[in-house]
Amino acid sequence: MTTQTVIPHQPWRHIHHPGAPILSIKDLSVQYEAGHALEDISFEVISGERMAVVGPNGAGKSTLFKAIAGLLRPDRGSVSVFGVEPRSHICIAYLPQRNQVDWNFPVTVADVVMMGRTRKIGFLRWPAKSDKEIVNRSLQIVGMTSLSQRQISQLSGGQQQRMFIARALAQEADLLLMDEPVTGLDTPSQEELFKVLDSLKKSGVTVLLALHDLKLAATSFDRVLLLNHRLIGLGSPANALSEENLKQAYGDRIQVLAHEQDIAVLDDSCCGEEDHTHA
């Protein structure tokens, strides 16, 4: 994968307010029957940055992504993308956790990637030659051209994630939300995934990625947002993942061992999929 293969970035500027941040969240609160999933969350994201969203299980990471994607309405506060509420946008691509996808659905990789073109083509229209070319180039970027006709149940975890990134590329998304994409991936698959994310960064795509791996968050992202129903830390990895912030977020489930400039984190909480309860 080289920078020459990256699809030119073409945001839908007719629904973007000039000068507005790509993502602005103000006083966001979401409440379920069991209590607050998110409470008074406020932050902004600049175009092209890569932000890790971390926190313990049930901290509200998935809920935050669904609110940003316009899949649920907050009880209080606001979410805006380029100054407009997210439901007005087709430039937001949301990649859910893999356990929320029906992998036995009878579609091929190319079919899924073409779904990224649906709202631009129209639901009752056939893809044009240009749409097929965009799909082919998207598959090329993520290294999936040879697997385009493979049924999605036959893909590895890493291939599944790259397929969804190809769909986001075909959608020409400005903002990519990835919920726990590295969970269950081996090291080579994670490395391949981040190569693809590096190519997106070069083309100006903004990425928010929820994950559990604090070391990965500290080494591979521009900024880190530490969350446990409320915003605990936001900024550079060193600042957001300070010893004090980690203890606030994880409480008794975490031990922090500081040694000069390094912090070793021992987390004895469960490490399964995000949000076992409502969030």
Protein backbone atom coordinates (compact mmCIF):
# COMPACT_ATOMS: atom_id res chain seq x y z
CA MET A 1 0.00 0.00 0.00
CA THR A 2 1.41 3.36 -1.03
CA THR A 3 0.22 6.93 -0.81
CA GLN A 4 -0.42 6.91 -4.56
CA THR A 5 -3.30 4.43 -4.10
CA VAL A 6 -5.25 6.58 -1.62
CA ILE A 7 -8.57 7.79 -2.99
CA PRO A 8 -8.66 11.61 -3.17
CA HIS A 9 -10.66 12.98 -0.26
CA GLN A 10 -13.97 14.49 -1.43
CA PRO A 11 -16.14 15.66 1.48
CA TRP A 12 -19.75 16.67 0.83
CA ARG A 13 -19.14 20.33 1.47
CA HIS A 14 -22.68 21.51 0.71
CA ILE A 15 -23.76 20.37 4.20
CA HIS A 16 -20.59 21.47 5.98
CA HIS A 17 -20.35 24.80 7.76
CA PRO A 18 -17.04 26.49 6.87
CA GLY A 19 -14.73 26.72 9.86
CA ALA A 20 -16.71 24.29 12.01
CA PRO A 21 -14.75 21.41 13.61
CA ILE A 22 -15.32 17.99 12.08
CA LEU A 23 -16.77 16.84 15.43
CA SER A 24 -18.07 18.91 18.32
CA ILE A 25 -19.75 17.39 21.38
CA LYS A 26 -21.25 19.65 24.04
CA ASP A 27 -22.68 18.55 27.40
CA LEU A 28 -23.66 15.15 25.99
CA SER A 29 -25.67 12.90 28.31
CA VAL A 30 -27.29 9.57 27.49
CA GLN A 31 -29.30 7.71 30.10
CA TYR A 32 -30.62 4.14 30.14
CA GLU A 33 -32.83 2.46 32.74
CA ALA A 34 -29.76 1.36 34.70
CA GLY A 35 -28.40 4.92 34.88
CA HIS A 36 -26.18 7.28 32.91
CA ALA A 37 -24.20 5.75 30.08
CA LEU A 38 -22.67 9.16 29.36
CA GLU A 39 -22.79 12.29 31.50
CA ASP A 40 -21.81 15.84 30.53
CA ILE A 41 -19.30 14.89 27.81
CA SER A 42 -17.75 17.78 25.89
CA PHE A 43 -14.86 17.74 23.41
CA GLU A 44 -13.89 18.61 19.84
CA VAL A 45 -11.92 16.74 17.18
CA ILE A 46 -9.95 18.33 14.37
CA SER A 47 -9.92 17.00 10.83
CA GLY A 48 -7.37 14.32 10.08
CA GLU A 49 -6.47 13.36 13.63
CA ARG A 50 -6.55 9.82 15.05
CA MET A 51 -8.03 9.58 18.53
CA ALA A 52 -8.20 6.55 20.81
CA VAL A 53 -11.25 6.23 23.09
CA VAL A 54 -10.39 4.07 26.08
CA GLY A 55 -11.97 3.06 29.36
CA PRO A 56 -13.19 0.01 31.28
CA ASN A 57 -15.96 -2.28 30.09
CA GLY A 58 -19.34 -0.57 30.29
CA ALA A 59 -17.77 2.90 30.29
CA GLY A 60 -19.97 4.15 27.44
CA LYS A 61 -17.59 3.92 24.50
CA SER A 62 -20.11 2.20 22.21
CA THR A 63 -22.86 4.58 23.30
CA LEU A 64 -20.63 7.55 22.46
CA PHE A 65 -19.98 6.21 18.97
CA LYS A 66 -23.68 5.55 18.35
CA ALA A 67 -24.52 9.10 19.41
CA ILE A 68 -21.86 10.51 17.08
CA ALA A 69 -23.14 8.35 14.22
CA GLY A 70 -26.71 9.58 14.81
CA LEU A 71 -27.98 6.11 15.75
CA LEU A 72 -29.37 7.35 19.06
CA ARG A 73 -30.44 10.74 20.31
CA PRO A 74 -28.89 12.10 23.49
CA ASP A 75 -31.05 12.94 26.46
CA ARG A 76 -29.20 16.21 26.80
CA GLY A 77 -26.50 18.09 24.94
CA SER A 78 -25.55 18.02 21.27
CA VAL A 79 -23.40 16.34 18.65
CA SER A 80 -22.44 18.15 15.47
CA VAL A 81 -20.32 17.14 12.49
CA PHE A 82 -19.04 20.13 10.52
CA GLY A 83 -21.65 22.16 12.40
CA VAL A 84 -24.62 19.96 11.50
CA GLU A 85 -26.32 17.20 13.48
CA PRO A 86 -25.01 13.75 12.48
CA ARG A 87 -28.28 12.51 10.98
CA SER A 88 -27.77 15.03 8.17
CA HIS A 89 -24.50 13.44 7.09
CA ILE A 90 -23.48 10.58 4.86
CA CYS A 91 -19.82 11.26 5.58
CA ILE A 92 -19.81 9.34 8.90
CA ALA A 93 -18.83 5.67 8.71
CA TYR A 94 -19.56 3.57 11.80
CA LEU A 95 -17.88 0.17 12.18
CA PRO A 96 -19.57 -1.76 15.01
CA GLN A 97 -18.01 -4.53 17.06
CA ARG A 98 -17.63 -7.71 15.06
CA ASN A 99 -19.95 -9.67 17.34
CA GLN A 100 -22.81 -7.39 16.25
CA VAL A 101 -22.53 -8.46 12.59
CA ASP A 102 -24.35 -11.42 11.02
CA TRP A 103 -21.38 -13.02 9.30
CA ASN A 104 -23.55 -15.75 7.76
CA PHE A 105 -25.51 -13.24 5.68
CA PRO A 106 -25.06 -14.31 2.04
CA VAL A 107 -23.04 -11.41 0.65
CA THR A 108 -19.54 -11.12 -0.75
CA VAL A 109 -16.81 -8.68 0.22
CA ALA A 110 -17.50 -6.60 -2.90
CA ASP A 111 -21.22 -6.49 -2.02
CA VAL A 112 -20.45 -5.07 1.43
CA VAL A 113 -18.06 -2.46 0.04
CA MET A 114 -20.64 -1.42 -2.57
CA MET A 115 -23.07 -0.77 0.31
CA GLY A 116 -20.92 2.24 1.05
CA ARG A 117 -22.14 3.79 -2.21
CA THR A 118 -25.86 3.22 -1.50
CA ARG A 119 -26.83 6.68 -0.25
CA LYS A 120 -24.95 8.40 -3.07
CA ILE A 121 -26.35 6.10 -5.77
CA GLY A 122 -29.91 5.96 -4.42
CA PHE A 123 -31.71 2.86 -3.17
CA LEU A 124 -33.46 1.95 -6.44
CA ARG A 125 -30.63 2.68 -8.87
CA TRP A 126 -27.91 0.44 -10.25
CA PRO A 127 -24.25 1.28 -9.59
CA ALA A 128 -22.58 3.20 -12.39
CA LYS A 129 -19.16 2.42 -13.80
CA SER A 130 -17.69 5.14 -11.59
CA ASP A 131 -19.18 3.50 -8.49
CA LYS A 132 -17.62 0.16 -9.39
CA GLU A 133 -14.27 1.85 -9.96
CA ILE A 134 -14.42 3.45 -6.49
CA VAL A 135 -15.23 0.05 -4.94
CA ASN A 136 -12.31 -1.57 -6.76
CA ARG A 137 -9.92 1.16 -5.65
CA SER A 138 -11.17 0.90 -2.07
CA LEU A 139 -10.49 -2.84 -2.07
CA GLN A 140 -7.04 -2.20 -3.52
CA ILE A 141 -6.17 0.25 -0.73
CA VAL A 142 -6.95 -2.30 2.01
CA GLY A 143 -5.34 -5.19 0.12
CA MET A 144 -8.59 -7.09 -0.46
CA THR A 145 -8.85 -7.18 -4.26
CA SER A 146 -8.18 -10.91 -4.47
CA LEU A 147 -10.92 -11.56 -1.87
CA SER A 148 -13.62 -9.43 -3.48
CA GLN A 149 -15.88 -12.42 -4.29
CA ARG A 150 -15.34 -14.25 -1.02
CA GLN A 151 -18.34 -14.74 1.27
CA ILE A 152 -17.87 -12.65 4.42
CA SER A 153 -18.08 -15.64 6.79
CA GLN A 154 -14.86 -16.95 5.24
CA LEU A 155 -12.80 -13.93 6.27
CA SER A 156 -10.37 -13.72 9.17
CA GLY A 157 -10.88 -11.07 11.84
CA GLY A 158 -8.31 -8.78 10.26
CA GLN A 159 -9.83 -9.20 6.81
CA GLN A 160 -13.27 -8.38 8.20
CA GLN A 161 -12.00 -5.08 9.58
CA ARG A 162 -10.23 -4.18 6.33
CA MET A 163 -13.44 -4.94 4.42
CA PHE A 164 -15.36 -2.45 6.57
CA ILE A 165 -12.65 0.16 6.09
CA ALA A 166 -12.99 -0.39 2.32
CA ARG A 167 -16.73 0.23 2.70
CA ALA A 168 -15.97 3.51 4.49
CA LEU A 169 -13.58 4.49 1.69
CA ALA A 170 -16.24 3.71 -0.91
CA GLN A 171 -18.63 5.88 1.11
CA GLU A 172 -16.01 8.68 0.91
CA ALA A 173 -16.36 9.16 4.65
CA ASP A 174 -14.77 12.10 6.46
CA LEU A 175 -15.20 10.58 9.92
CA LEU A 176 -14.55 6.91 10.71
CA LEU A 177 -15.78 5.43 14.01
CA MET A 178 -14.28 2.02 14.82
CA ASP A 179 -15.63 0.14 17.85
CA GLU A 180 -13.09 -2.36 19.25
CA PRO A 181 -11.57 -3.28 15.84
CA VAL A 182 -8.42 -4.87 17.30
CA THR A 183 -10.19 -7.19 19.76
CA GLY A 184 -9.29 -10.77 18.90
CA LEU A 185 -6.72 -9.82 16.24
CA ASP A 186 -3.21 -11.24 16.36
CA THR A 187 -0.21 -8.91 16.15
CA PRO A 188 0.34 -9.19 12.36
CA SER A 189 -3.36 -8.44 11.74
CA GLN A 190 -3.19 -5.42 14.04
CA GLU A 191 -0.11 -4.15 12.23
CA GLU A 192 -1.82 -4.54 8.86
CA LEU A 193 -4.87 -2.68 10.16
CA PHE A 194 -2.74 0.26 11.31
CA LYS A 195 -0.99 0.41 7.95
CA VAL A 196 -4.40 1.01 6.42
CA LEU A 197 -5.22 3.61 9.08
CA ASP A 198 -1.94 5.37 8.30
CA SER A 199 -3.03 5.68 4.67
CA LEU A 200 -6.36 7.17 5.79
CA LYS A 201 -4.54 9.75 7.90
CA LYS A 202 -2.52 10.81 4.86
CA SER A 203 -5.75 11.38 2.95
CA GLY A 204 -7.27 13.48 5.75
CA VAL A 205 -9.81 11.01 7.13
CA THR A 206 -10.49 11.49 10.85
CA VAL A 207 -10.55 8.28 12.92
CA LEU A 208 -11.96 7.62 16.38
CA LEU A 209 -11.14 4.13 17.59
CA ALA A 210 -12.40 2.50 20.80
CA LEU A 211 -10.09 -0.05 22.36
CA HIS A 212 -8.96 -1.68 25.60
CA ASP A 213 -5.23 -1.81 24.93
CA LEU A 214 -3.78 1.16 26.80
CA LYS A 215 -0.26 0.56 25.47
CA LEU A 216 -1.56 0.69 21.91
CA ALA A 217 -3.48 3.87 22.73
CA ALA A 218 -0.30 5.42 24.13
CA THR A 219 1.88 4.60 21.13
CA SER A 220 -0.33 4.84 18.03
CA PHE A 221 -2.65 7.84 18.44
CA ASP A 222 -2.48 11.63 18.27
CA ARG A 223 -4.76 12.05 21.27
CA VAL A 224 -6.47 9.83 23.81
CA LEU A 225 -9.91 10.25 25.39
CA LEU A 226 -10.25 8.39 28.70
CA LEU A 227 -13.88 7.67 29.51
CA ASN A 228 -15.90 6.14 32.32
CA HIS A 229 -19.41 7.53 31.80
CA ARG A 230 -17.84 10.99 32.11
CA LEU A 231 -14.76 12.40 30.45
CA ILE A 232 -11.78 11.77 32.75
CA GLY A 233 -8.82 12.61 30.53
CA LEU A 234 -8.30 14.12 27.08
CA GLY A 235 -5.09 15.10 25.37
CA SER A 236 -1.73 13.63 24.54
CA PRO A 237 -1.38 9.97 25.60
CA ALA A 238 0.99 10.98 28.44
CA ASN A 239 -1.49 13.51 29.84
CA ALA A 240 -4.72 11.58 29.30
CA LEU A 241 -3.29 8.33 30.66
CA SER A 242 -1.71 9.83 33.77
CA GLU A 243 -1.61 7.70 36.90
CA GLU A 244 -4.29 9.82 38.56
CA ASN A 245 -6.63 9.60 35.56
CA LEU A 246 -6.19 5.85 35.21
CA LYS A 247 -7.06 5.29 38.85
CA GLN A 248 -10.17 7.45 38.46
CA ALA A 249 -11.28 5.50 35.40
CA TYR A 250 -10.49 1.96 36.53
CA GLY A 251 -10.53 2.19 40.32
CA ASP A 252 -9.65 -1.06 42.08
CA ARG A 253 -9.54 -2.91 38.77
CA ILE A 254 -6.20 -1.44 37.85
CA GLN A 255 -2.74 -1.12 39.34
CA VAL A 256 -0.39 1.57 38.03
CA LEU A 257 3.35 1.11 38.49
CA ALA A 258 5.26 4.30 37.71
CA HIS A 259 8.94 4.16 36.79
CA GLU A 260 10.51 7.46 35.76
CA GLN A 261 8.70 8.50 32.54
CA ASP A 262 7.06 5.11 31.96
CA ILE A 263 3.84 3.83 33.48
CA ALA A 264 3.13 0.11 33.53
CA VAL A 265 -0.56 -0.72 33.79
CA LEU A 266 -1.79 -3.99 35.25
CA ASP A 267 -5.49 -4.35 34.61
CA ASP A 268 -7.22 -7.23 36.36
CA SER A 269 -10.64 -6.46 34.92
CA CYS A 270 -12.22 -8.65 32.26
CA CYS A 271 -10.90 -8.06 28.77
CA GLY A 272 -13.81 -9.24 26.64
CA GLU A 273 -15.96 -7.19 24.31
CA GLU A 274 -16.91 -3.64 25.20
CA ASP A 275 -20.01 -2.83 27.20
CA HIS A 276 -21.35 -6.03 28.68
CA THR A 277 -24.40 -4.18 30.00
CA HIS A 278 -26.15 -1.20 28.45
CA ALA A 279 -23.41 1.00 27.12
